[in-house]
């Protein structure tokens, strides 16, 4: 399960156009990162203030915590951490755009508009 959440964090971002304000997470605010594969669907919502929430569809797991971009990594601290997750979870961070779909660690990830 740790890989699900680590993968989700990494998948939020990829090499794309630089955003005007240089905020690598700008496309994520107010939108949903959907990760599917390996038996789970995870929806994650990143906020401008450095917090995130989310859910594992079909399970009673609610995600929340804080995030920050530290150098080239997106680091998330879950509060409390889901089963098998050890804080912090840090993955490479690069920008994405709404509508992008990519794969990571055997999962498909899509950044979709709005909260879903």
PDB file of N, CA and C in Angstrom:
ATOM      1  N   UNK A   1       0.819  -1.183   0.000  1.00  0.00           N
ATOM      2  CA  UNK A   1       0.000   0.000   0.000  1.00  0.00           C
ATOM      3  C   UNK A   1       0.869   1.255   0.000  1.00  0.00           C
ATOM      4  N   UNK A   2       2.036   1.177   0.616  1.00  0.00           N
ATOM      5  CA  UNK A   2       2.931   2.331   0.621  1.00  0.00           C
ATOM      6  C   UNK A   2       3.218   2.786  -0.805  1.00  0.00           C
ATOM      7  N   UNK A   3       3.402   1.829  -1.715  1.00  0.00           N
ATOM      8  CA  UNK A   3       3.687   2.174  -3.102  1.00  0.00           C
ATOM      9  C   UNK A   3       2.529   2.926  -3.741  1.00  0.00           C
ATOM     10  N   UNK A   4       1.312   2.607  -3.336  1.00  0.00           N
ATOM     11  CA  UNK A   4       0.148   3.317  -3.880  1.00  0.00           C
ATOM     12  C   UNK A   4       0.278   4.799  -3.585  1.00  0.00           C
ATOM     13  N   UNK A   5       0.559   5.128  -2.329  1.00  0.00           N
ATOM     14  CA  UNK A   5       0.599   6.523  -1.930  1.00  0.00           C
ATOM     15  C   UNK A   5       1.856   7.232  -2.417  1.00  0.00           C
ATOM     16  N   UNK A   6       2.970   6.541  -2.414  1.00  0.00           N
ATOM     17  CA  UNK A   6       4.196   7.132  -2.945  1.00  0.00           C
ATOM     18  C   UNK A   6       4.046   7.368  -4.434  1.00  0.00           C
ATOM     19  N   UNK A   7       3.476   6.385  -5.128  1.00  0.00           N
ATOM     20  CA  UNK A   7       3.261   6.527  -6.560  1.00  0.00           C
ATOM     21  C   UNK A   7       2.332   7.674  -6.867  1.00  0.00           C
ATOM     22  N   UNK A   8       1.297   7.809  -6.067  1.00  0.00           N
ATOM     23  CA  UNK A   8       0.341   8.885  -6.265  1.00  0.00           C
ATOM     24  C   UNK A   8       1.031  10.237  -6.170  1.00  0.00           C
ATOM     25  N   UNK A   9       1.853  10.387  -5.190  1.00  0.00           N
ATOM     26  CA  UNK A   9       2.556  11.651  -5.030  1.00  0.00           C
ATOM     27  C   UNK A   9       3.458  11.944  -6.216  1.00  0.00           C
ATOM     28  N   UNK A  10       4.158  10.948  -6.656  1.00  0.00           N
ATOM     29  CA  UNK A  10       5.072  11.146  -7.780  1.00  0.00           C
ATOM     30  C   UNK A  10       4.328  11.458  -9.058  1.00  0.00           C
ATOM     31  N   UNK A  11       3.163  10.899  -9.197  1.00  0.00           N
ATOM     32  CA  UNK A  11       2.442  10.990 -10.444  1.00  0.00           C
ATOM     33  C   UNK A  11       1.752  12.318 -10.648  1.00  0.00           C
ATOM     34  N   UNK A  12       1.690  13.071  -9.634  1.00  0.00           N
ATOM     35  CA  UNK A  12       1.051  14.364  -9.750  1.00  0.00           C
ATOM     36  C   UNK A  12       1.811  15.239 -10.741  1.00  0.00           C
ATOM     37  N   UNK A  13       3.057  14.958 -10.931  1.00  0.00           N
ATOM     38  CA  UNK A  13       3.940  15.878 -11.633  1.00  0.00           C
ATOM     39  C   UNK A  13       4.765  15.198 -12.720  1.00  0.00           C
ATOM     40  N   UNK A  14       5.158  15.972 -13.755  1.00  0.00           N
ATOM     41  CA  UNK A  14       6.073  15.469 -14.789  1.00  0.00           C
ATOM     42  C   UNK A  14       6.680  16.639 -15.531  1.00  0.00           C
ATOM     43  N   UNK A  15       7.696  16.395 -16.369  1.00  0.00           N
ATOM     44  CA  UNK A  15       8.266  17.504 -17.115  1.00  0.00           C
ATOM     45  C   UNK A  15       7.221  18.071 -18.070  1.00  0.00           C
ATOM     46  N   UNK A  16       6.870  19.308 -17.885  1.00  0.00           N
ATOM     47  CA  UNK A  16       5.876  19.960 -18.732  1.00  0.00           C
ATOM     48  C   UNK A  16       6.248  21.421 -18.828  1.00  0.00           C
ATOM     49  N   UNK A  17       5.357  22.208 -19.365  1.00  0.00           N
ATOM     50  CA  UNK A  17       5.624  23.633 -19.495  1.00  0.00           C
ATOM     51  C   UNK A  17       5.791  24.277 -18.130  1.00  0.00           C
ATOM     52  N   UNK A  18       6.712  25.218 -18.026  1.00  0.00           N
ATOM     53  CA  UNK A  18       6.883  25.947 -16.776  1.00  0.00           C
ATOM     54  C   UNK A  18       5.668  26.832 -16.566  1.00  0.00           C
ATOM     55  N   UNK A  19       5.188  26.848 -15.357  1.00  0.00           N
ATOM     56  CA  UNK A  19       4.029  27.673 -15.044  1.00  0.00           C
ATOM     57  C   UNK A  19       4.476  29.108 -14.822  1.00  0.00           C
ATOM     58  N   UNK A  20       3.600  30.045 -15.124  1.00  0.00           N
ATOM     59  CA  UNK A  20       3.949  31.466 -15.071  1.00  0.00           C
ATOM     60  C   UNK A  20       4.527  31.861 -13.724  1.00  0.00           C
ATOM     61  N   UNK A  21       3.961  31.360 -12.637  1.00  0.00           N
ATOM     62  CA  UNK A  21       4.449  31.764 -11.318  1.00  0.00           C
ATOM     63  C   UNK A  21       5.476  30.773 -10.767  1.00  0.00           C
ATOM     64  N   UNK A  22       5.921  29.832 -11.583  1.00  0.00           N
ATOM     65  CA  UNK A  22       6.920  28.840 -11.194  1.00  0.00           C
ATOM     66  C   UNK A  22       6.475  27.942 -10.051  1.00  0.00           C
ATOM     67  N   UNK A  23       5.175  27.840  -9.798  1.00  0.00           N
ATOM     68  CA  UNK A  23       4.648  26.941  -8.782  1.00  0.00           C
ATOM     69  C   UNK A  23       4.382  25.595  -9.435  1.00  0.00           C
ATOM     70  N   UNK A  24       5.220  24.642  -9.165  1.00  0.00           N
ATOM     71  CA  UNK A  24       5.144  23.333  -9.806  1.00  0.00           C
ATOM     72  C   UNK A  24       3.826  22.624  -9.514  1.00  0.00           C
ATOM     73  N   UNK A  25       3.150  23.006  -8.450  1.00  0.00           N
ATOM     74  CA  UNK A  25       1.896  22.364  -8.046  1.00  0.00           C
ATOM     75  C   UNK A  25       0.656  23.127  -8.511  1.00  0.00           C
ATOM     76  N   UNK A  26       0.812  24.232  -9.197  1.00  0.00           N
ATOM     77  CA  UNK A  26      -0.311  25.119  -9.523  1.00  0.00           C
ATOM     78  C   UNK A  26      -1.474  24.410 -10.204  1.00  0.00           C
ATOM     79  N   UNK A  27      -1.214  23.499 -11.112  1.00  0.00           N
ATOM     80  CA  UNK A  27      -2.295  22.812 -11.821  1.00  0.00           C
ATOM     81  C   UNK A  27      -3.081  21.873 -10.910  1.00  0.00           C
ATOM     82  N   UNK A  28      -2.510  21.501  -9.794  1.00  0.00           N
ATOM     83  CA  UNK A  28      -3.169  20.556  -8.884  1.00  0.00           C
ATOM     84  C   UNK A  28      -4.215  21.204  -7.982  1.00  0.00           C
ATOM     85  N   UNK A  29      -4.050  22.480  -7.671  1.00  0.00           N
ATOM     86  CA  UNK A  29      -4.953  23.138  -6.727  1.00  0.00           C
ATOM     87  C   UNK A  29      -6.376  23.160  -7.264  1.00  0.00           C
ATOM     88  N   UNK A  30      -7.316  22.679  -6.452  1.00  0.00           N
ATOM     89  CA  UNK A  30      -8.718  22.678  -6.838  1.00  0.00           C
ATOM     90  C   UNK A  30      -9.084  21.591  -7.833  1.00  0.00           C
ATOM     91  N   UNK A  31      -8.156  20.681  -8.096  1.00  0.00           N
ATOM     92  CA  UNK A  31      -8.381  19.606  -9.048  1.00  0.00           C
ATOM     93  C   UNK A  31      -8.112  18.255  -8.379  1.00  0.00           C
ATOM     94  N   UNK A  32      -8.269  17.175  -9.126  1.00  0.00           N
ATOM     95  CA  UNK A  32      -8.141  15.835  -8.556  1.00  0.00           C
ATOM     96  C   UNK A  32      -7.089  15.034  -9.307  1.00  0.00           C
ATOM     97  N   UNK A  33      -6.231  14.380  -8.550  1.00  0.00           N
ATOM     98  CA  UNK A  33      -5.279  13.423  -9.098  1.00  0.00           C
ATOM     99  C   UNK A  33      -5.886  12.047  -8.840  1.00  0.00           C
ATOM    100  N   UNK A  34      -6.195  11.321  -9.931  1.00  0.00           N
ATOM    101  CA  UNK A  34      -6.795   9.995  -9.811  1.00  0.00           C
ATOM    102  C   UNK A  34      -5.763   8.948 -10.209  1.00  0.00           C
ATOM    103  N   UNK A  35      -5.509   8.035  -9.287  1.00  0.00           N
ATOM    104  CA  UNK A  35      -4.557   6.959  -9.516  1.00  0.00           C
ATOM    105  C   UNK A  35      -5.315   5.639  -9.499  1.00  0.00           C
ATOM    106  N   UNK A  36      -5.156   4.838 -10.552  1.00  0.00           N
ATOM    107  CA  UNK A  36      -5.808   3.529 -10.613  1.00  0.00           C
ATOM    108  C   UNK A  36      -4.780   2.451 -10.908  1.00  0.00           C
ATOM    109  N   UNK A  37      -5.100   1.244 -10.495  1.00  0.00           N
ATOM    110  CA  UNK A  37      -4.222   0.118 -10.755  1.00  0.00           C
ATOM    111  C   UNK A  37      -3.868  -0.608  -9.483  1.00  0.00           C
ATOM    112  N   UNK A  38      -3.451  -1.838  -9.643  1.00  0.00           N
ATOM    113  CA  UNK A  38      -3.052  -2.682  -8.515  1.00  0.00           C
ATOM    114  C   UNK A  38      -4.176  -2.799  -7.489  1.00  0.00           C
ATOM    115  N   UNK A  39      -5.428  -2.794  -7.981  1.00  0.00           N
ATOM    116  CA  UNK A  39      -6.569  -3.048  -7.115  1.00  0.00           C
ATOM    117  C   UNK A  39      -7.125  -1.853  -6.365  1.00  0.00           C
ATOM    118  N   UNK A  40      -6.592  -0.652  -6.587  1.00  0.00           N
ATOM    119  CA  UNK A  40      -7.048   0.516  -5.837  1.00  0.00           C
ATOM    120  C   UNK A  40      -7.288   1.702  -6.763  1.00  0.00           C
ATOM    121  N   UNK A  41      -8.202   2.566  -6.362  1.00  0.00           N
ATOM    122  CA  UNK A  41      -8.369   3.872  -6.996  1.00  0.00           C
ATOM    123  C   UNK A  41      -8.260   4.910  -5.897  1.00  0.00           C
ATOM    124  N   UNK A  42      -7.315   5.826  -6.076  1.00  0.00           N
ATOM    125  CA  UNK A  42      -7.050   6.852  -5.066  1.00  0.00           C
ATOM    126  C   UNK A  42      -7.287   8.218  -5.685  1.00  0.00           C
ATOM    127  N   UNK A  43      -8.026   9.075  -4.959  1.00  0.00           N
ATOM    128  CA  UNK A  43      -8.258  10.462  -5.366  1.00  0.00           C
ATOM    129  C   UNK A  43      -7.533  11.349  -4.358  1.00  0.00           C
ATOM    130  N   UNK A  44      -6.673  12.242  -4.867  1.00  0.00           N
ATOM    131  CA  UNK A  44      -5.919  13.135  -3.997  1.00  0.00           C
ATOM    132  C   UNK A  44      -6.152  14.575  -4.431  1.00  0.00           C
ATOM    133  N   UNK A  45      -6.266  15.464  -3.432  1.00  0.00           N
ATOM    134  CA  UNK A  45      -6.555  16.883  -3.651  1.00  0.00           C
ATOM    135  C   UNK A  45      -5.481  17.705  -2.930  1.00  0.00           C
ATOM    136  N   UNK A  46      -4.711  18.467  -3.697  1.00  0.00           N
ATOM    137  CA  UNK A  46      -3.650  19.298  -3.138  1.00  0.00           C
ATOM    138  C   UNK A  46      -4.132  20.733  -3.014  1.00  0.00           C
ATOM    139  N   UNK A  47      -3.813  21.365  -1.878  1.00  0.00           N
ATOM    140  CA  UNK A  47      -4.201  22.747  -1.614  1.00  0.00           C
ATOM    141  C   UNK A  47      -2.987  23.663  -1.643  1.00  0.00           C
ATOM    142  N   UNK A  48      -3.229  24.917  -2.018  1.00  0.00           N
ATOM    143  CA  UNK A  48      -2.179  25.925  -2.100  1.00  0.00           C
ATOM    144  C   UNK A  48      -1.434  26.105  -0.773  1.00  0.00           C
ATOM    145  N   UNK A  49      -2.136  25.899   0.338  1.00  0.00           N
ATOM    146  CA  UNK A  49      -1.552  26.143   1.662  1.00  0.00           C
ATOM    147  C   UNK A  49      -0.622  25.033   2.150  1.00  0.00           C
ATOM    148  N   UNK A  50      -0.331  24.051   1.297  1.00  0.00           N
ATOM    149  CA  UNK A  50       0.584  22.991   1.688  1.00  0.00           C
ATOM    150  C   UNK A  50      -0.093  21.815   2.378  1.00  0.00           C
ATOM    151  N   UNK A  51      -1.399  21.718   2.265  1.00  0.00           N
ATOM    152  CA  UNK A  51      -2.127  20.580   2.807  1.00  0.00           C
ATOM    153  C   UNK A  51      -2.690  19.744   1.667  1.00  0.00           C
ATOM    154  N   UNK A  52      -3.043  18.516   1.965  1.00  0.00           N
ATOM    155  CA  UNK A  52      -3.724  17.669   0.998  1.00  0.00           C
ATOM    156  C   UNK A  52      -4.734  16.793   1.720  1.00  0.00           C
ATOM    157  N   UNK A  53      -5.733  16.353   0.968  1.00  0.00           N
ATOM    158  CA  UNK A  53      -6.702  15.375   1.448  1.00  0.00           C
ATOM    159  C   UNK A  53      -6.896  14.365   0.335  1.00  0.00           C
ATOM    160  N   UNK A  54      -7.570  13.297   0.639  1.00  0.00           N
ATOM    161  CA  UNK A  54      -7.836  12.308  -0.384  1.00  0.00           C
ATOM    162  C   UNK A  54      -8.603  11.137   0.175  1.00  0.00           C
ATOM    163  N   UNK A  55      -8.860  10.169  -0.699  1.00  0.00           N
ATOM    164  CA  UNK A  55      -9.598   8.975  -0.293  1.00  0.00           C
ATOM    165  C   UNK A  55      -9.210   7.814  -1.185  1.00  0.00           C
ATOM    166  N   UNK A  56      -9.347   6.624  -0.622  1.00  0.00           N
ATOM    167  CA  UNK A  56      -9.185   5.402  -1.389  1.00  0.00           C
ATOM    168  C   UNK A  56     -10.600   4.922  -1.672  1.00  0.00           C
ATOM    169  N   UNK A  57     -10.984   4.907  -2.937  1.00  0.00           N
ATOM    170  CA  UNK A  57     -12.348   4.561  -3.331  1.00  0.00           C
ATOM    171  C   UNK A  57     -12.645   3.114  -2.938  1.00  0.00           C
ATOM    172  N   UNK A  58     -13.809   2.921  -2.324  1.00  0.00           N
ATOM    173  CA  UNK A  58     -14.234   1.583  -1.927  1.00  0.00           C
ATOM    174  C   UNK A  58     -13.636   1.095  -0.627  1.00  0.00           C
ATOM    175  N   UNK A  59     -12.872   1.929   0.032  1.00  0.00           N
ATOM    176  CA  UNK A  59     -12.271   1.563   1.320  1.00  0.00           C
ATOM    177  C   UNK A  59     -12.534   2.706   2.296  1.00  0.00           C
ATOM    178  N   UNK A  60     -12.440   2.437   3.554  1.00  0.00           N
ATOM    179  CA  UNK A  60     -12.682   3.477   4.556  1.00  0.00           C
ATOM    180  C   UNK A  60     -11.379   4.181   4.942  1.00  0.00           C
ATOM    181  N   UNK A  61     -10.544   4.418   3.951  1.00  0.00           N
ATOM    182  CA  UNK A  61      -9.275   5.115   4.193  1.00  0.00           C
ATOM    183  C   UNK A  61      -9.408   6.548   3.697  1.00  0.00           C
ATOM    184  N   UNK A  62      -9.267   7.480   4.627  1.00  0.00           N
ATOM    185  CA  UNK A  62      -9.283   8.908   4.314  1.00  0.00           C
ATOM    186  C   UNK A  62      -7.852   9.404   4.459  1.00  0.00           C
ATOM    187  N   UNK A  63      -7.402  10.163   3.472  1.00  0.00           N
ATOM    188  CA  UNK A  63      -6.036  10.681   3.472  1.00  0.00           C
ATOM    189  C   UNK A  63      -6.034  12.153   3.838  1.00  0.00           C
ATOM    190  N   UNK A  64      -5.055  12.567   4.620  1.00  0.00           N
ATOM    191  CA  UNK A  64      -4.837  13.986   4.853  1.00  0.00           C
ATOM    192  C   UNK A  64      -3.431  14.174   5.373  1.00  0.00           C
ATOM    193  N   UNK A  65      -2.947  15.392   5.192  1.00  0.00           N
ATOM    194  CA  UNK A  65      -1.615  15.688   5.664  1.00  0.00           C
ATOM    195  C   UNK A  65      -1.088  16.972   5.065  1.00  0.00           C
ATOM    196  N   UNK A  66       0.230  17.094   5.059  1.00  0.00           N
ATOM    197  CA  UNK A  66       0.884  18.273   4.506  1.00  0.00           C
ATOM    198  C   UNK A  66       1.869  17.841   3.422  1.00  0.00           C
ATOM    199  N   UNK A  67       2.148  18.767   2.512  1.00  0.00           N
ATOM    200  CA  UNK A  67       3.110  18.506   1.443  1.00  0.00           C
ATOM    201  C   UNK A  67       4.009  19.718   1.285  1.00  0.00           C
ATOM    202  N   UNK A  68       5.178  19.483   0.710  1.00  0.00           N
ATOM    203  CA  UNK A  68       6.053  20.582   0.302  1.00  0.00           C
ATOM    204  C   UNK A  68       6.973  20.090  -0.790  1.00  0.00           C
ATOM    205  N   UNK A  69       7.377  21.011  -1.629  1.00  0.00           N
ATOM    206  CA  UNK A  69       8.379  20.710  -2.637  1.00  0.00           C
ATOM    207  C   UNK A  69       9.722  21.058  -2.020  1.00  0.00           C
ATOM    208  N   UNK A  70      10.591  20.068  -1.944  1.00  0.00           N
ATOM    209  CA  UNK A  70      11.892  20.222  -1.317  1.00  0.00           C
ATOM    210  C   UNK A  70      12.935  19.852  -2.359  1.00  0.00           C
ATOM    211  N   UNK A  71      13.556  20.870  -2.942  1.00  0.00           N
ATOM    212  CA  UNK A  71      14.477  20.611  -4.040  1.00  0.00           C
ATOM    213  C   UNK A  71      13.687  20.069  -5.218  1.00  0.00           C
ATOM    214  N   UNK A  72      14.041  18.915  -5.697  1.00  0.00           N
ATOM    215  CA  UNK A  72      13.329  18.296  -6.809  1.00  0.00           C
ATOM    216  C   UNK A  72      12.319  17.245  -6.381  1.00  0.00           C
ATOM    217  N   UNK A  73      11.966  17.224  -5.103  1.00  0.00           N
ATOM    218  CA  UNK A  73      11.045  16.212  -4.592  1.00  0.00           C
ATOM    219  C   UNK A  73       9.768  16.814  -4.022  1.00  0.00           C
ATOM    220  N   UNK A  74       8.674  16.084  -4.194  1.00  0.00           N
ATOM    221  CA  UNK A  74       7.423  16.370  -3.506  1.00  0.00           C
ATOM    222  C   UNK A  74       7.412  15.454  -2.290  1.00  0.00           C
ATOM    223  N   UNK A  75       7.356  16.053  -1.102  1.00  0.00           N
ATOM    224  CA  UNK A  75       7.355  15.272   0.132  1.00  0.00           C
ATOM    225  C   UNK A  75       6.022  15.455   0.834  1.00  0.00           C
ATOM    226  N   UNK A  76       5.390  14.319   1.169  1.00  0.00           N
ATOM    227  CA  UNK A  76       4.097  14.340   1.836  1.00  0.00           C
ATOM    228  C   UNK A  76       4.236  13.678   3.204  1.00  0.00           C
ATOM    229  N   UNK A  77       3.581  14.291   4.185  1.00  0.00           N
ATOM    230  CA  UNK A  77       3.495  13.711   5.524  1.00  0.00           C
ATOM    231  C   UNK A  77       2.023  13.463   5.802  1.00  0.00           C
ATOM    232  N   UNK A  78       1.662  12.188   5.938  1.00  0.00           N
ATOM    233  CA  UNK A  78       0.277  11.791   6.202  1.00  0.00           C
ATOM    234  C   UNK A  78      -0.029  11.903   7.688  1.00  0.00           C
ATOM    235  N   UNK A  79      -1.240  12.398   8.012  1.00  0.00           N
ATOM    236  CA  UNK A  79      -1.668  12.570   9.387  1.00  0.00           C
ATOM    237  C   UNK A  79      -3.055  11.985   9.569  1.00  0.00           C
ATOM    238  N   UNK A  80      -3.197  10.796  10.124  1.00  0.00           N
ATOM    239  CA  UNK A  80      -2.152   9.808  10.417  1.00  0.00           C
ATOM    240  C   UNK A  80      -1.781   9.069   9.135  1.00  0.00           C
ATOM    241  N   UNK A  81      -0.636   8.391   9.140  1.00  0.00           N
ATOM    242  CA  UNK A  81      -0.257   7.653   7.941  1.00  0.00           C
ATOM    243  C   UNK A  81      -1.164   6.435   7.732  1.00  0.00           C
ATOM    244  N   UNK A  82      -1.536   6.149   6.481  1.00  0.00           N
ATOM    245  CA  UNK A  82      -2.300   4.933   6.190  1.00  0.00           C
ATOM    246  C   UNK A  82      -1.470   3.694   6.542  1.00  0.00           C
ATOM    247  N   UNK A  83      -2.123   2.537   6.645  1.00  0.00           N
ATOM    248  CA  UNK A  83      -1.372   1.312   6.945  1.00  0.00           C
ATOM    249  C   UNK A  83      -0.215   1.112   5.964  1.00  0.00           C
ATOM    250  N   UNK A  84       0.912   0.723   6.467  1.00  0.00           N
ATOM    251  CA  UNK A  84       2.159   0.424   5.745  1.00  0.00           C
ATOM    252  C   UNK A  84       2.878   1.651   5.187  1.00  0.00           C
ATOM    253  N   UNK A  85       2.379   2.850   5.432  1.00  0.00           N
ATOM    254  CA  UNK A  85       3.036   4.067   4.939  1.00  0.00           C
ATOM    255  C   UNK A  85       3.913   4.644   6.038  1.00  0.00           C
ATOM    256  N   UNK A  86       5.163   4.934   5.694  1.00  0.00           N
ATOM    257  CA  UNK A  86       6.080   5.567   6.634  1.00  0.00           C
ATOM    258  C   UNK A  86       6.349   6.978   6.180  1.00  0.00           C
ATOM    259  N   UNK A  87       6.153   7.950   7.060  1.00  0.00           N
ATOM    260  CA  UNK A  87       6.382   9.359   6.748  1.00  0.00           C
ATOM    261  C   UNK A  87       7.850   9.707   6.818  1.00  0.00           C
ATOM    262  N   UNK A  88       8.298  10.686   6.029  1.00  0.00           N
ATOM    263  CA  UNK A  88       7.599  11.292   4.902  1.00  0.00           C
ATOM    264  C   UNK A  88       7.701  10.412   3.661  1.00  0.00           C
ATOM    265  N   UNK A  89       6.802  10.640   2.728  1.00  0.00           N
ATOM    266  CA  UNK A  89       6.853   9.989   1.421  1.00  0.00           C
ATOM    267  C   UNK A  89       7.344  11.055   0.446  1.00  0.00           C
ATOM    268  N   UNK A  90       8.523  10.856  -0.113  1.00  0.00           N
ATOM    269  CA  UNK A  90       9.105  11.838  -1.041  1.00  0.00           C
ATOM    270  C   UNK A  90       9.337  11.187  -2.399  1.00  0.00           C
ATOM    271  N   UNK A  91       8.919  11.898  -3.424  1.00  0.00           N
ATOM    272  CA  UNK A  91       9.043  11.409  -4.790  1.00  0.00           C
ATOM    273  C   UNK A  91       9.475  12.563  -5.690  1.00  0.00           C
ATOM    274  N   UNK A  92      10.022  12.285  -6.873  1.00  0.00           N
ATOM    275  CA  UNK A  92      10.406  13.366  -7.780  1.00  0.00           C
ATOM    276  C   UNK A  92       9.195  14.243  -8.124  1.00  0.00           C
ATOM    277  N   UNK A  93       9.414  15.543  -8.172  1.00  0.00           N
ATOM    278  CA  UNK A  93       8.343  16.501  -8.450  1.00  0.00           C
ATOM    279  C   UNK A  93       8.611  17.255  -9.743  1.00  0.00           C
ATOM    280  N   UNK A  94       7.642  17.195 -10.646  1.00  0.00           N
ATOM    281  CA  UNK A  94       7.681  17.969 -11.881  1.00  0.00           C
ATOM    282  C   UNK A  94       6.250  18.385 -12.222  1.00  0.00           C
ATOM    283  N   UNK A  95       6.066  19.395 -13.045  1.00  0.00           N
ATOM    284  CA  UNK A  95       4.743  19.970 -13.312  1.00  0.00           C
ATOM    285  C   UNK A  95       3.897  19.095 -14.247  1.00  0.00           C
ATOM    286  N   UNK A  96       2.585  19.157 -14.044  1.00  0.00           N
ATOM    287  CA  UNK A  96       1.570  18.513 -14.898  1.00  0.00           C
ATOM    288  C   UNK A  96       0.549  19.552 -15.314  1.00  0.00           C
ATOM    289  N   UNK A  97      -0.258  19.165 -16.308  1.00  0.00           N
ATOM    290  CA  UNK A  97      -1.370  20.011 -16.752  1.00  0.00           C
ATOM    291  C   UNK A  97      -2.655  19.214 -16.641  1.00  0.00           C
ATOM    292  N   UNK A  98      -3.778  19.911 -16.442  1.00  0.00           N
ATOM    293  CA  UNK A  98      -5.074  19.248 -16.395  1.00  0.00           C
ATOM    294  C   UNK A  98      -5.268  18.468 -17.687  1.00  0.00           C
ATOM    295  N   UNK A  99      -5.731  17.228 -17.547  1.00  0.00           N
ATOM    296  CA  UNK A  99      -5.943  16.356 -18.691  1.00  0.00           C
ATOM    297  C   UNK A  99      -4.794  15.398 -18.949  1.00  0.00           C
ATOM    298  N   UNK A 100      -3.650  15.629 -18.340  1.00  0.00           N
ATOM    299  CA  UNK A 100      -2.521  14.725 -18.525  1.00  0.00           C
ATOM    300  C   UNK A 100      -2.823  13.362 -17.908  1.00  0.00           C
ATOM    301  N   UNK A 101      -2.421  12.317 -18.607  1.00  0.00           N
ATOM    302  CA  UNK A 101      -2.492  10.950 -18.095  1.00  0.00           C
ATOM    303  C   UNK A 101      -1.117  10.332 -18.285  1.00  0.00           C
ATOM    304  N   UNK A 102      -0.652   9.607 -17.273  1.00  0.00           N
ATOM    305  CA  UNK A 102       0.663   8.995 -17.337  1.00  0.00           C
ATOM    306  C   UNK A 102       0.645   7.706 -16.529  1.00  0.00           C
ATOM    307  N   UNK A 103       1.705   6.945 -16.617  1.00  0.00           N
ATOM    308  CA  UNK A 103       1.816   5.724 -15.824  1.00  0.00           C
ATOM    309  C   UNK A 103       3.020   5.834 -14.906  1.00  0.00           C
ATOM    310  N   UNK A 104       2.910   5.139 -13.800  1.00  0.00           N
ATOM    311  CA  UNK A 104       3.986   5.100 -12.818  1.00  0.00           C
ATOM    312  C   UNK A 104       3.826   3.836 -11.996  1.00  0.00           C
ATOM    313  N   UNK A 105       4.852   3.051 -11.926  1.00  0.00           N
ATOM    314  CA  UNK A 105       4.864   1.859 -11.085  1.00  0.00           C
ATOM    315  C   UNK A 105       3.643   0.962 -11.331  1.00  0.00           C
ATOM    316  N   UNK A 106       3.280   0.792 -12.591  1.00  0.00           N
ATOM    317  CA  UNK A 106       2.165  -0.075 -12.940  1.00  0.00           C
ATOM    318  C   UNK A 106       0.790   0.517 -12.724  1.00  0.00           C
ATOM    319  N   UNK A 107       0.726   1.803 -12.462  1.00  0.00           N
ATOM    320  CA  UNK A 107      -0.548   2.480 -12.249  1.00  0.00           C
ATOM    321  C   UNK A 107      -0.762   3.551 -13.306  1.00  0.00           C
ATOM    322  N   UNK A 108      -2.037   3.863 -13.543  1.00  0.00           N
ATOM    323  CA  UNK A 108      -2.393   4.962 -14.442  1.00  0.00           C
ATOM    324  C   UNK A 108      -2.847   6.126 -13.587  1.00  0.00           C
ATOM    325  N   UNK A 109      -2.347   7.304 -13.914  1.00  0.00           N
ATOM    326  CA  UNK A 109      -2.663   8.501 -13.137  1.00  0.00           C
ATOM    327  C   UNK A 109      -3.157   9.573 -14.087  1.00  0.00           C
ATOM    328  N   UNK A 110      -4.196  10.299 -13.658  1.00  0.00           N
ATOM    329  CA  UNK A 110      -4.754  11.377 -14.467  1.00  0.00           C
ATOM    330  C   UNK A 110      -5.009  12.574 -13.577  1.00  0.00           C
ATOM    331  N   UNK A 111      -4.660  13.748 -14.067  1.00  0.00           N
ATOM    332  CA  UNK A 111      -4.996  14.992 -13.392  1.00  0.00           C
ATOM    333  C   UNK A 111      -6.257  15.521 -14.063  1.00  0.00           C
ATOM    334  N   UNK A 112      -7.364  15.539 -13.303  1.00  0.00           N
ATOM    335  CA  UNK A 112      -8.647  15.951 -13.857  1.00  0.00           C
ATOM    336  C   UNK A 112      -9.119  17.249 -13.215  1.00  0.00           C
ATOM    337  N   UNK A 113      -9.932  17.981 -13.960  1.00  0.00           N
ATOM    338  CA  UNK A 113     -10.426  19.271 -13.485  1.00  0.00           C
ATOM    339  C   UNK A 113     -11.489  19.074 -12.411  1.00  0.00           C
ATOM    340  N   UNK A 114     -11.421  19.884 -11.376  1.00  0.00           N
ATOM    341  CA  UNK A 114     -12.411  19.880 -10.308  1.00  0.00           C
ATOM    342  C   UNK A 114     -12.173  18.788  -9.279  1.00  0.00           C
ATOM    343  N   UNK A 115     -13.025  18.816  -8.258  1.00  0.00           N
ATOM    344  CA  UNK A 115     -12.946  17.840  -7.177  1.00  0.00           C
ATOM    345  C   UNK A 115     -13.872  16.677  -7.519  1.00  0.00           C
ATOM    346  N   UNK A 116     -13.315  15.502  -7.604  1.00  0.00           N
ATOM    347  CA  UNK A 116     -14.106  14.315  -7.960  1.00  0.00           C
ATOM    348  C   UNK A 116     -13.921  13.218  -6.940  1.00  0.00           C
TER     349      UNK A 116
END
